[in-house]
Amino acid sequence: MSDQTRAPQGDPAEPPLVLKGPAMQFPYMPSPKKLVFGYDPDEFEEFVKEWVPALQPEYVRVERQGGSGDHGIDVAAYRSAQGLEGPWDNYQCKRYKSALNWSTAAGEIRKMFAGVVLRHFVLPTQYVFVAPAFARNLRTALAKPAQTRAKFLQGWPPYGRQVQSSAITSSPNTCSPTCAASHGARSASTCFTWT
């Protein structure tokens, strides 16, 4: 066939160009949720440190404090230049294979209150647990604040009387509307707001 007898480009008589070759396979991409909850505990804390400023852009500074002797603070988000001596929010990261339960949560809160009583820092404005899942006993405790306060104070030998009189002025609640809106109702976190 000569160039002169060839059909012009785009002519309906000309068959479409079809390329054939080996099928392309793309690797499996897990969802963002699976990626995040696949992190080890250190990576999870680092992720939360990076994620928290997106929740509240008015934070002055966000820093990771997790590790031995952290007084129950994994990520501290400061609302002022005063740091832990001014208004701040506590993000407690719990990356376990099983759901976060009451006894683990209460132990972390007690460590934080001990830090307040010992004057390492002031009481945070919000106490937020960030975890993949919450056990039924923790969800039940959060739904019954009066019983939770009594249960929380049980078994606190080192600081019991001092904490009862100076640090606990109200019981834990679920997120405030502002807090819930900042991390979404379906997020895996629960806040304790102490007023």
N, C-alpha and C. Protein backbone atom coordinates (compact mmCIF):
# COMPACT_ATOMS: atom_id res chain seq x y z
N MET A 1 0.84 -1.17 0.00
CA MET A 1 0.00 0.00 0.00
C MET A 1 0.89 1.23 0.00
N SER A 2 0.63 2.13 -0.88
CA SER A 2 1.44 3.33 -0.98
C SER A 2 0.85 4.41 -0.09
N ASP A 3 1.67 5.43 0.16
CA ASP A 3 1.22 6.55 0.98
C ASP A 3 0.01 7.24 0.36
N GLN A 4 -0.08 7.19 -0.96
CA GLN A 4 -1.17 7.90 -1.64
C GLN A 4 -2.51 7.19 -1.44
N THR A 5 -2.50 5.90 -1.22
CA THR A 5 -3.75 5.18 -1.08
C THR A 5 -4.14 4.97 0.38
N ARG A 6 -3.30 5.36 1.25
CA ARG A 6 -3.56 5.17 2.68
C ARG A 6 -4.66 6.13 3.13
N ALA A 7 -5.52 5.66 4.02
CA ALA A 7 -6.59 6.51 4.54
C ALA A 7 -5.99 7.60 5.44
N PRO A 8 -6.55 8.80 5.38
CA PRO A 8 -6.02 9.88 6.22
C PRO A 8 -6.24 9.57 7.72
N GLN A 9 -5.38 10.16 8.57
CA GLN A 9 -5.48 9.99 10.02
C GLN A 9 -6.85 10.45 10.50
N GLY A 10 -7.42 9.69 11.43
CA GLY A 10 -8.71 10.07 12.00
C GLY A 10 -9.88 9.60 11.17
N ASP A 11 -9.62 9.02 10.04
CA ASP A 11 -10.69 8.51 9.18
C ASP A 11 -11.34 7.32 9.87
N PRO A 12 -12.70 7.25 9.88
CA PRO A 12 -13.37 6.14 10.55
C PRO A 12 -13.02 4.79 9.96
N ALA A 13 -12.50 4.74 8.75
CA ALA A 13 -12.15 3.46 8.12
C ALA A 13 -10.85 2.89 8.71
N GLU A 14 -10.04 3.74 9.33
CA GLU A 14 -8.78 3.29 9.88
C GLU A 14 -9.02 2.66 11.26
N PRO A 15 -8.50 1.46 11.51
CA PRO A 15 -8.71 0.82 12.82
C PRO A 15 -7.95 1.58 13.91
N PRO A 16 -8.47 1.57 15.13
CA PRO A 16 -7.78 2.26 16.23
C PRO A 16 -6.47 1.56 16.56
N LEU A 17 -5.56 2.32 17.07
CA LEU A 17 -4.27 1.78 17.48
C LEU A 17 -4.46 1.05 18.81
N VAL A 18 -4.09 -0.20 18.88
CA VAL A 18 -4.23 -1.00 20.10
C VAL A 18 -2.86 -1.52 20.47
N LEU A 19 -2.44 -1.22 21.69
CA LEU A 19 -1.16 -1.71 22.19
C LEU A 19 -1.44 -2.90 23.09
N LYS A 20 -0.68 -3.94 22.91
CA LYS A 20 -0.85 -5.13 23.75
C LYS A 20 0.49 -5.44 24.40
N GLY A 21 0.42 -5.88 25.61
CA GLY A 21 1.62 -6.25 26.33
C GLY A 21 1.23 -6.91 27.63
N PRO A 22 2.19 -7.14 28.49
CA PRO A 22 1.85 -7.78 29.77
C PRO A 22 0.94 -6.86 30.60
N ALA A 23 0.00 -7.47 31.31
CA ALA A 23 -0.92 -6.71 32.15
C ALA A 23 -0.13 -6.06 33.29
N MET A 24 -0.45 -4.81 33.58
CA MET A 24 0.24 -4.12 34.67
C MET A 24 -0.48 -4.41 35.98
N GLN A 25 0.28 -4.72 36.97
CA GLN A 25 -0.26 -4.99 38.30
C GLN A 25 0.32 -3.95 39.25
N PHE A 26 -0.54 -3.33 40.04
CA PHE A 26 -0.10 -2.35 41.02
C PHE A 26 -0.10 -3.01 42.39
N PRO A 27 0.85 -2.65 43.23
CA PRO A 27 0.90 -3.26 44.56
C PRO A 27 -0.31 -2.84 45.39
N TYR A 28 -0.68 -3.67 46.36
CA TYR A 28 -1.77 -3.37 47.27
C TYR A 28 -1.43 -2.14 48.10
N MET A 29 -2.36 -1.21 48.17
CA MET A 29 -2.16 -0.02 48.99
C MET A 29 -3.15 -0.05 50.13
N PRO A 30 -2.67 -0.21 51.36
CA PRO A 30 -3.60 -0.21 52.50
C PRO A 30 -4.22 1.17 52.68
N SER A 31 -5.36 1.18 53.35
CA SER A 31 -6.03 2.45 53.63
C SER A 31 -5.18 3.28 54.59
N PRO A 32 -5.38 4.60 54.63
CA PRO A 32 -4.62 5.42 55.59
C PRO A 32 -4.80 4.94 57.03
N LYS A 33 -6.01 4.50 57.38
CA LYS A 33 -6.25 4.02 58.74
C LYS A 33 -5.38 2.79 59.04
N LYS A 34 -5.30 1.86 58.08
CA LYS A 34 -4.46 0.68 58.29
C LYS A 34 -2.99 1.06 58.39
N LEU A 35 -2.58 2.04 57.62
CA LEU A 35 -1.19 2.49 57.70
C LEU A 35 -0.87 3.04 59.08
N VAL A 36 -1.71 3.95 59.56
CA VAL A 36 -1.48 4.60 60.84
C VAL A 36 -1.49 3.59 61.98
N PHE A 37 -2.48 2.72 62.01
CA PHE A 37 -2.56 1.78 63.11
C PHE A 37 -1.62 0.60 62.95
N GLY A 38 -0.85 0.60 61.88
CA GLY A 38 0.21 -0.38 61.73
C GLY A 38 1.54 0.12 62.27
N TYR A 39 1.60 1.38 62.68
CA TYR A 39 2.83 1.94 63.22
C TYR A 39 3.18 1.27 64.55
N ASP A 40 4.47 1.22 64.86
CA ASP A 40 4.87 0.78 66.19
C ASP A 40 4.59 1.94 67.15
N PRO A 41 4.66 1.71 68.48
CA PRO A 41 4.30 2.79 69.42
C PRO A 41 5.07 4.10 69.22
N ASP A 42 6.37 4.04 68.92
CA ASP A 42 7.13 5.27 68.70
C ASP A 42 6.67 6.01 67.44
N GLU A 43 6.46 5.26 66.37
CA GLU A 43 5.97 5.88 65.13
C GLU A 43 4.58 6.47 65.34
N PHE A 44 3.75 5.78 66.13
CA PHE A 44 2.40 6.26 66.41
C PHE A 44 2.45 7.60 67.15
N GLU A 45 3.30 7.71 68.18
CA GLU A 45 3.44 8.98 68.91
C GLU A 45 3.93 10.08 67.97
N GLU A 46 4.88 9.76 67.12
CA GLU A 46 5.41 10.76 66.18
C GLU A 46 4.31 11.21 65.21
N PHE A 47 3.49 10.24 64.75
CA PHE A 47 2.37 10.59 63.88
C PHE A 47 1.40 11.54 64.59
N VAL A 48 1.06 11.22 65.84
CA VAL A 48 0.12 12.07 66.60
C VAL A 48 0.70 13.46 66.78
N LYS A 49 2.00 13.55 67.04
CA LYS A 49 2.65 14.87 67.17
C LYS A 49 2.49 15.68 65.88
N GLU A 50 2.58 15.03 64.74
CA GLU A 50 2.43 15.72 63.46
C GLU A 50 0.96 16.02 63.14
N TRP A 51 0.04 15.18 63.63
CA TRP A 51 -1.39 15.29 63.34
C TRP A 51 -2.08 16.36 64.19
N VAL A 52 -1.66 16.49 65.45
CA VAL A 52 -2.32 17.38 66.41
C VAL A 52 -2.41 18.83 65.94
N PRO A 53 -1.38 19.44 65.36
CA PRO A 53 -1.53 20.84 64.91
C PRO A 53 -2.64 21.04 63.89
N ALA A 54 -2.98 20.00 63.14
CA ALA A 54 -4.08 20.12 62.18
C ALA A 54 -5.43 20.20 62.90
N LEU A 55 -5.50 19.66 64.13
CA LEU A 55 -6.76 19.70 64.90
C LEU A 55 -7.05 21.10 65.42
N GLN A 56 -6.02 21.75 65.91
CA GLN A 56 -6.16 23.07 66.52
C GLN A 56 -5.02 23.96 66.01
N PRO A 57 -5.24 24.69 64.93
CA PRO A 57 -4.15 25.51 64.39
C PRO A 57 -3.64 26.57 65.36
N GLU A 58 -4.41 26.89 66.42
CA GLU A 58 -3.96 27.93 67.34
C GLU A 58 -2.93 27.44 68.35
N TYR A 59 -2.56 26.15 68.31
CA TYR A 59 -1.50 25.69 69.21
C TYR A 59 -0.22 26.45 68.90
N VAL A 60 0.44 26.91 69.94
CA VAL A 60 1.69 27.65 69.80
C VAL A 60 2.83 26.69 69.49
N ARG A 61 2.82 25.53 70.15
CA ARG A 61 3.86 24.53 69.95
C ARG A 61 3.30 23.16 70.33
N VAL A 62 3.75 22.14 69.64
CA VAL A 62 3.37 20.76 69.94
C VAL A 62 4.66 19.97 70.04
N GLU A 63 4.80 19.24 71.16
CA GLU A 63 6.01 18.44 71.31
C GLU A 63 5.72 17.07 71.89
N ARG A 64 6.53 16.13 71.51
CA ARG A 64 6.41 14.76 71.99
C ARG A 64 7.21 14.63 73.27
N GLN A 65 6.57 14.05 74.31
CA GLN A 65 7.25 13.88 75.58
C GLN A 65 7.24 12.43 76.05
N GLY A 66 6.68 11.54 75.25
CA GLY A 66 6.55 10.14 75.64
C GLY A 66 7.86 9.50 76.01
N GLY A 67 7.77 8.47 76.83
CA GLY A 67 8.94 7.74 77.28
C GLY A 67 8.94 7.62 78.78
N SER A 68 9.98 7.05 79.30
CA SER A 68 10.10 6.86 80.74
C SER A 68 10.08 8.20 81.46
N GLY A 69 9.26 8.29 82.50
CA GLY A 69 9.18 9.52 83.28
C GLY A 69 8.40 10.64 82.62
N ASP A 70 7.49 10.28 81.68
CA ASP A 70 6.74 11.32 80.96
C ASP A 70 5.54 11.85 81.74
N HIS A 71 5.27 11.31 82.93
CA HIS A 71 4.14 11.75 83.78
C HIS A 71 2.81 11.65 83.05
N GLY A 72 2.68 10.68 82.16
CA GLY A 72 1.40 10.48 81.47
C GLY A 72 1.17 11.43 80.31
N ILE A 73 2.23 12.05 79.81
CA ILE A 73 2.12 12.96 78.66
C ILE A 73 2.90 12.36 77.50
N ASP A 74 2.23 11.99 76.43
CA ASP A 74 2.94 11.54 75.23
C ASP A 74 3.17 12.70 74.28
N VAL A 75 2.11 13.48 74.03
CA VAL A 75 2.23 14.66 73.18
C VAL A 75 1.55 15.82 73.90
N ALA A 76 2.30 16.90 74.10
CA ALA A 76 1.78 18.10 74.75
C ALA A 76 1.56 19.17 73.68
N ALA A 77 0.37 19.74 73.66
CA ALA A 77 0.04 20.81 72.72
C ALA A 77 -0.23 22.08 73.52
N TYR A 78 0.62 23.07 73.34
CA TYR A 78 0.55 24.29 74.14
C TYR A 78 -0.33 25.33 73.48
N ARG A 79 -1.21 25.91 74.29
CA ARG A 79 -2.11 26.97 73.82
C ARG A 79 -1.50 28.36 74.04
N SER A 80 -0.37 28.41 74.73
CA SER A 80 0.31 29.69 74.97
C SER A 80 1.81 29.43 75.07
N ALA A 81 2.57 30.51 75.13
CA ALA A 81 4.02 30.40 75.25
C ALA A 81 4.44 29.91 76.63
N GLN A 82 3.49 29.80 77.56
CA GLN A 82 3.80 29.34 78.91
C GLN A 82 4.05 27.84 78.98
N GLY A 83 3.81 27.13 77.91
CA GLY A 83 4.05 25.69 77.89
C GLY A 83 3.21 24.95 78.91
N LEU A 84 3.83 24.10 79.70
CA LEU A 84 3.12 23.29 80.70
C LEU A 84 2.66 24.10 81.91
N GLU A 85 3.04 25.37 81.97
CA GLU A 85 2.60 26.23 83.08
C GLU A 85 1.38 27.06 82.71
N GLY A 86 0.95 26.96 81.46
CA GLY A 86 -0.23 27.68 80.99
C GLY A 86 -1.24 26.69 80.43
N PRO A 87 -2.21 27.16 79.66
CA PRO A 87 -3.19 26.24 79.08
C PRO A 87 -2.53 25.31 78.05
N TRP A 88 -2.81 24.03 78.17
CA TRP A 88 -2.23 23.04 77.27
C TRP A 88 -3.15 21.83 77.20
N ASP A 89 -2.98 21.02 76.16
CA ASP A 89 -3.76 19.80 75.97
C ASP A 89 -2.82 18.60 75.98
N ASN A 90 -3.28 17.52 76.59
CA ASN A 90 -2.49 16.30 76.70
C ASN A 90 -3.05 15.24 75.75
N TYR A 91 -2.21 14.71 74.88
CA TYR A 91 -2.59 13.63 73.98
C TYR A 91 -1.84 12.37 74.40
N GLN A 92 -2.57 11.42 74.92
CA GLN A 92 -2.00 10.16 75.40
C GLN A 92 -2.19 9.11 74.31
N CYS A 93 -1.10 8.61 73.77
CA CYS A 93 -1.12 7.66 72.66
C CYS A 93 -1.03 6.24 73.18
N LYS A 94 -1.97 5.42 72.78
CA LYS A 94 -1.99 4.02 73.22
C LYS A 94 -2.12 3.14 72.00
N ARG A 95 -1.01 2.61 71.56
CA ARG A 95 -0.97 1.74 70.38
C ARG A 95 -0.72 0.31 70.85
N TYR A 96 -1.80 -0.40 71.15
CA TYR A 96 -1.72 -1.79 71.61
C TYR A 96 -2.41 -2.70 70.61
N LYS A 97 -2.13 -3.99 70.72
CA LYS A 97 -2.82 -4.96 69.86
C LYS A 97 -4.27 -5.11 70.28
N SER A 98 -4.56 -4.91 71.56
CA SER A 98 -5.94 -5.00 72.03
C SER A 98 -6.47 -3.60 72.34
N ALA A 99 -7.77 -3.52 72.58
CA ALA A 99 -8.42 -2.24 72.84
C ALA A 99 -7.93 -1.64 74.16
N LEU A 100 -7.90 -0.31 74.22
CA LEU A 100 -7.53 0.40 75.44
C LEU A 100 -8.60 0.16 76.48
N ASN A 101 -8.21 -0.32 77.66
CA ASN A 101 -9.20 -0.63 78.70
C ASN A 101 -9.12 0.36 79.86
N TRP A 102 -10.09 0.22 80.78
CA TRP A 102 -10.20 1.14 81.91
C TRP A 102 -8.94 1.15 82.77
N SER A 103 -8.40 0.00 83.13
CA SER A 103 -7.27 -0.03 84.06
C SER A 103 -6.05 0.67 83.47
N THR A 104 -5.79 0.49 82.19
CA THR A 104 -4.66 1.17 81.55
C THR A 104 -4.90 2.67 81.48
N ALA A 105 -6.11 3.07 81.08
CA ALA A 105 -6.43 4.50 80.98
C ALA A 105 -6.35 5.17 82.35
N ALA A 106 -6.91 4.53 83.39
CA ALA A 106 -6.88 5.11 84.73
C ALA A 106 -5.45 5.26 85.23
N GLY A 107 -4.60 4.28 84.95
CA GLY A 107 -3.19 4.38 85.35
C GLY A 107 -2.50 5.57 84.71
N GLU A 108 -2.78 5.81 83.44
CA GLU A 108 -2.18 6.95 82.74
C GLU A 108 -2.69 8.28 83.31
N ILE A 109 -3.98 8.34 83.60
CA ILE A 109 -4.55 9.57 84.16
C ILE A 109 -3.96 9.82 85.55
N ARG A 110 -3.80 8.76 86.34
CA ARG A 110 -3.20 8.92 87.68
C ARG A 110 -1.77 9.46 87.56
N LYS A 111 -1.00 8.96 86.59
CA LYS A 111 0.36 9.49 86.41
C LYS A 111 0.33 10.98 86.11
N MET A 112 -0.64 11.38 85.28
CA MET A 112 -0.75 12.80 84.94
C MET A 112 -1.12 13.61 86.18
N PHE A 113 -2.10 13.12 86.98
CA PHE A 113 -2.48 13.84 88.19
C PHE A 113 -1.33 13.91 89.19
N ALA A 114 -0.54 12.85 89.28
CA ALA A 114 0.62 12.88 90.17
C ALA A 114 1.57 14.00 89.74
N GLY A 115 1.76 14.17 88.43
CA GLY A 115 2.60 15.26 87.93
C GLY A 115 2.05 16.62 88.31
N VAL A 116 0.71 16.76 88.30
CA VAL A 116 0.07 18.02 88.71
C VAL A 116 0.30 18.26 90.20
N VAL A 117 0.04 17.23 91.01
CA VAL A 117 0.20 17.36 92.46
C VAL A 117 1.64 17.70 92.83
N LEU A 118 2.59 17.09 92.11
CA LEU A 118 4.01 17.35 92.38
C LEU A 118 4.50 18.63 91.71
N ARG A 119 3.58 19.35 91.06
CA ARG A 119 3.82 20.65 90.43
C ARG A 119 4.83 20.60 89.27
N HIS A 120 4.81 19.48 88.54
CA HIS A 120 5.63 19.41 87.32
C HIS A 120 4.97 20.22 86.21
N PHE A 121 3.65 20.38 86.26
CA PHE A 121 2.88 21.12 85.27
C PHE A 121 1.50 21.38 85.83
N VAL A 122 0.75 22.27 85.16
CA VAL A 122 -0.63 22.54 85.56
C VAL A 122 -1.55 21.53 84.88
N LEU A 123 -2.75 21.41 85.39
CA LEU A 123 -3.74 20.49 84.84
C LEU A 123 -4.02 20.86 83.37
N PRO A 124 -4.03 19.89 82.47
CA PRO A 124 -4.30 20.22 81.07
C PRO A 124 -5.76 20.62 80.87
N THR A 125 -6.00 21.40 79.84
CA THR A 125 -7.35 21.79 79.47
C THR A 125 -8.13 20.58 78.95
N GLN A 126 -7.47 19.77 78.15
CA GLN A 126 -8.06 18.54 77.61
C GLN A 126 -7.09 17.39 77.80
N TYR A 127 -7.63 16.22 78.06
CA TYR A 127 -6.84 14.99 78.13
C TYR A 127 -7.44 14.08 77.07
N VAL A 128 -6.70 13.79 76.02
CA VAL A 128 -7.22 13.04 74.88
C VAL A 128 -6.47 11.72 74.74
N PHE A 129 -7.20 10.61 74.76
CA PHE A 129 -6.61 9.32 74.42
C PHE A 129 -6.73 9.13 72.92
N VAL A 130 -5.64 8.74 72.29
CA VAL A 130 -5.66 8.41 70.87
C VAL A 130 -5.26 6.94 70.79
N ALA A 131 -6.21 6.11 70.36
CA ALA A 131 -5.99 4.66 70.31
C ALA A 131 -6.82 4.06 69.19
N PRO A 132 -6.41 2.92 68.66
CA PRO A 132 -7.19 2.28 67.60
C PRO A 132 -8.57 1.83 68.07
N ALA A 133 -8.67 1.41 69.32
CA ALA A 133 -9.97 0.91 69.81
C ALA A 133 -10.06 1.10 71.32
N PHE A 134 -11.29 1.25 71.81
CA PHE A 134 -11.57 1.39 73.24
C PHE A 134 -12.40 0.21 73.71
N ALA A 135 -11.95 -0.42 74.80
CA ALA A 135 -12.67 -1.56 75.36
C ALA A 135 -14.01 -1.09 75.93
N ARG A 136 -14.93 -2.01 76.01
CA ARG A 136 -16.26 -1.71 76.53
C ARG A 136 -16.20 -1.12 77.94
N ASN A 137 -15.30 -1.66 78.81
CA ASN A 137 -15.26 -1.15 80.19
C ASN A 137 -14.81 0.31 80.24
N LEU A 138 -13.98 0.75 79.31
CA LEU A 138 -13.59 2.17 79.26
C LEU A 138 -14.74 3.02 78.75
N ARG A 139 -15.41 2.58 77.70
CA ARG A 139 -16.57 3.33 77.18
C ARG A 139 -17.65 3.44 78.24
N THR A 140 -17.88 2.37 78.99
CA THR A 140 -18.88 2.39 80.07
C THR A 140 -18.48 3.37 81.16
N ALA A 141 -17.21 3.36 81.53
CA ALA A 141 -16.72 4.28 82.56
C ALA A 141 -16.91 5.73 82.14
N LEU A 142 -16.65 6.02 80.88
CA LEU A 142 -16.80 7.40 80.40
C LEU A 142 -18.26 7.82 80.33
N ALA A 143 -19.16 6.87 80.20
CA ALA A 143 -20.59 7.18 80.14
C ALA A 143 -21.18 7.42 81.53
N LYS A 144 -20.43 7.09 82.59
CA LYS A 144 -20.93 7.25 83.97
C LYS A 144 -19.90 8.04 84.78
N PRO A 145 -19.84 9.35 84.60
CA PRO A 145 -18.79 10.15 85.23
C PRO A 145 -18.75 10.09 86.75
N ALA A 146 -19.90 10.07 87.43
CA ALA A 146 -19.90 10.05 88.90
C ALA A 146 -19.27 8.75 89.41
N GLN A 147 -19.66 7.63 88.83
CA GLN A 147 -19.07 6.35 89.24
C GLN A 147 -17.59 6.29 88.86
N THR A 148 -17.25 6.89 87.73
CA THR A 148 -15.86 6.87 87.27
C THR A 148 -14.97 7.61 88.25
N ARG A 149 -15.43 8.73 88.78
CA ARG A 149 -14.63 9.49 89.75
C ARG A 149 -14.33 8.63 90.97
N ALA A 150 -15.34 7.97 91.53
CA ALA A 150 -15.14 7.12 92.71
C ALA A 150 -14.19 5.96 92.38
N LYS A 151 -14.41 5.34 91.26
CA LYS A 151 -13.57 4.22 90.84
C LYS A 151 -12.13 4.68 90.59
N PHE A 152 -12.00 5.85 90.03
CA PHE A 152 -10.68 6.41 89.73
C PHE A 152 -9.86 6.63 91.00
N LEU A 153 -10.53 7.12 92.05
CA LEU A 153 -9.81 7.43 93.29
C LEU A 153 -9.48 6.19 94.12
N GLN A 154 -10.12 5.07 93.82
CA GLN A 154 -9.81 3.84 94.55
C GLN A 154 -8.38 3.41 94.23
N GLY A 155 -7.70 2.94 95.22
CA GLY A 155 -6.37 2.40 95.00
C GLY A 155 -5.32 3.43 94.64
N TRP A 156 -5.46 4.63 95.15
CA TRP A 156 -4.47 5.66 94.89
C TRP A 156 -3.73 5.94 96.20
N PRO A 157 -2.91 5.01 96.68
CA PRO A 157 -2.28 5.21 97.97
C PRO A 157 -1.30 6.38 98.06
N PRO A 158 -0.42 6.61 97.09
CA PRO A 158 0.59 7.64 97.33
C PRO A 158 0.04 9.06 97.45
N TYR A 159 -1.00 9.38 96.66
CA TYR A 159 -1.43 10.77 96.62
C TYR A 159 -2.92 10.94 96.90
N GLY A 160 -3.61 9.89 97.30
CA GLY A 160 -5.06 9.90 97.43
C GLY A 160 -5.66 11.11 98.10
N ARG A 161 -5.29 11.38 99.33
CA ARG A 161 -5.91 12.51 100.05
C ARG A 161 -5.55 13.85 99.43
N GLN A 162 -4.30 14.01 99.06
CA GLN A 162 -3.88 15.27 98.46
C GLN A 162 -4.59 15.50 97.13
N VAL A 163 -4.69 14.47 96.30
CA VAL A 163 -5.35 14.61 95.01
C VAL A 163 -6.83 14.87 95.19
N GLN A 164 -7.48 14.17 96.13
CA GLN A 164 -8.91 14.37 96.34
C GLN A 164 -9.21 15.81 96.70
N SER A 165 -8.34 16.44 97.45
CA SER A 165 -8.64 17.79 97.88
C SER A 165 -8.13 18.87 96.93
N SER A 166 -7.13 18.56 96.09
CA SER A 166 -6.57 19.65 95.30
C SER A 166 -6.69 19.52 93.79
N ALA A 167 -6.73 18.33 93.24
CA ALA A 167 -6.65 18.24 91.78
C ALA A 167 -7.96 17.90 91.11
N ILE A 168 -8.77 17.06 91.70
CA ILE A 168 -9.98 16.62 91.00
C ILE A 168 -11.14 17.52 91.41
N THR A 169 -11.57 18.32 90.47
CA THR A 169 -12.69 19.21 90.73
C THR A 169 -13.92 18.83 89.94
N SER A 170 -13.77 17.95 88.99
CA SER A 170 -14.92 17.44 88.25
C SER A 170 -14.58 16.10 87.65
N SER A 171 -15.57 15.45 87.10
CA SER A 171 -15.36 14.12 86.55
C SER A 171 -15.12 14.20 85.06
N PRO A 172 -14.56 13.13 84.48
CA PRO A 172 -14.29 13.16 83.04
C PRO A 172 -15.57 13.11 82.23
N ASN A 173 -15.53 13.76 81.10
CA ASN A 173 -16.65 13.77 80.18
C ASN A 173 -16.15 13.34 78.81
N THR A 174 -17.07 13.02 77.94
CA THR A 174 -16.66 12.79 76.57
C THR A 174 -16.37 14.16 75.96
N CYS A 175 -15.90 14.18 74.75
CA CYS A 175 -15.45 15.41 74.11
C CYS A 175 -16.50 16.52 74.14
N SER A 176 -16.01 17.73 74.27
CA SER A 176 -16.87 18.89 74.11
C SER A 176 -17.24 18.98 72.63
N PRO A 177 -18.30 19.71 72.28
CA PRO A 177 -18.65 19.83 70.87
C PRO A 177 -17.51 20.38 70.02
N THR A 178 -16.75 21.35 70.56
CA THR A 178 -15.63 21.91 69.81
C THR A 178 -14.55 20.86 69.59
N CYS A 179 -14.23 20.13 70.65
CA CYS A 179 -13.19 19.10 70.54
C CYS A 179 -13.65 18.01 69.57
N ALA A 180 -14.88 17.53 69.72
CA ALA A 180 -15.40 16.47 68.84
C ALA A 180 -15.36 16.91 67.38
N ALA A 181 -15.69 18.17 67.14
CA ALA A 181 -15.67 18.67 65.76
C ALA A 181 -14.25 18.71 65.22
N SER A 182 -13.28 18.94 66.11
CA SER A 182 -11.90 19.05 65.64
C SER A 182 -11.32 17.71 65.20
N HIS A 183 -11.75 16.62 65.82
CA HIS A 183 -11.20 15.32 65.41
C HIS A 183 -12.23 14.38 64.84
N GLY A 184 -13.46 14.82 64.75
CA GLY A 184 -14.50 14.02 64.10
C GLY A 184 -15.11 12.99 65.03
N ALA A 185 -16.39 12.82 64.92
CA ALA A 185 -17.12 11.92 65.80
C ALA A 185 -16.68 10.47 65.63
N ARG A 186 -16.15 10.10 64.46
CA ARG A 186 -15.78 8.72 64.22
C ARG A 186 -14.32 8.45 64.55
N SER A 187 -13.59 9.45 65.01
CA SER A 187 -12.18 9.28 65.31
C SER A 187 -11.99 8.37 66.52
N ALA A 188 -10.84 7.72 66.56
CA ALA A 188 -10.52 6.84 67.66
C ALA A 188 -9.85 7.63 68.76
N SER A 189 -10.56 8.55 69.36
CA SER A 189 -10.01 9.27 70.50
C SER A 189 -11.14 9.67 71.42
N THR A 190 -10.81 9.81 72.67
CA THR A 190 -11.77 10.23 73.68
C THR A 190 -11.10 11.29 74.53
N CYS A 191 -11.83 12.35 74.85
CA CYS A 191 -11.26 13.45 75.62
C CYS A 191 -11.79 13.44 77.04
N PHE A 192 -10.93 13.86 77.96
CA PHE A 192 -11.34 14.15 79.30
C PHE A 192 -11.17 15.65 79.45
N THR A 193 -12.23 16.37 79.68
CA THR A 193 -12.13 17.81 79.88
C THR A 193 -12.38 18.08 81.36
N TRP A 194 -11.42 18.65 82.03
CA TRP A 194 -11.51 18.90 83.47
C TRP A 194 -11.78 20.38 83.65
N THR A 195 -12.91 20.71 84.25
CA THR A 195 -13.25 22.12 84.43
C THR A 195 -13.27 22.48 85.88
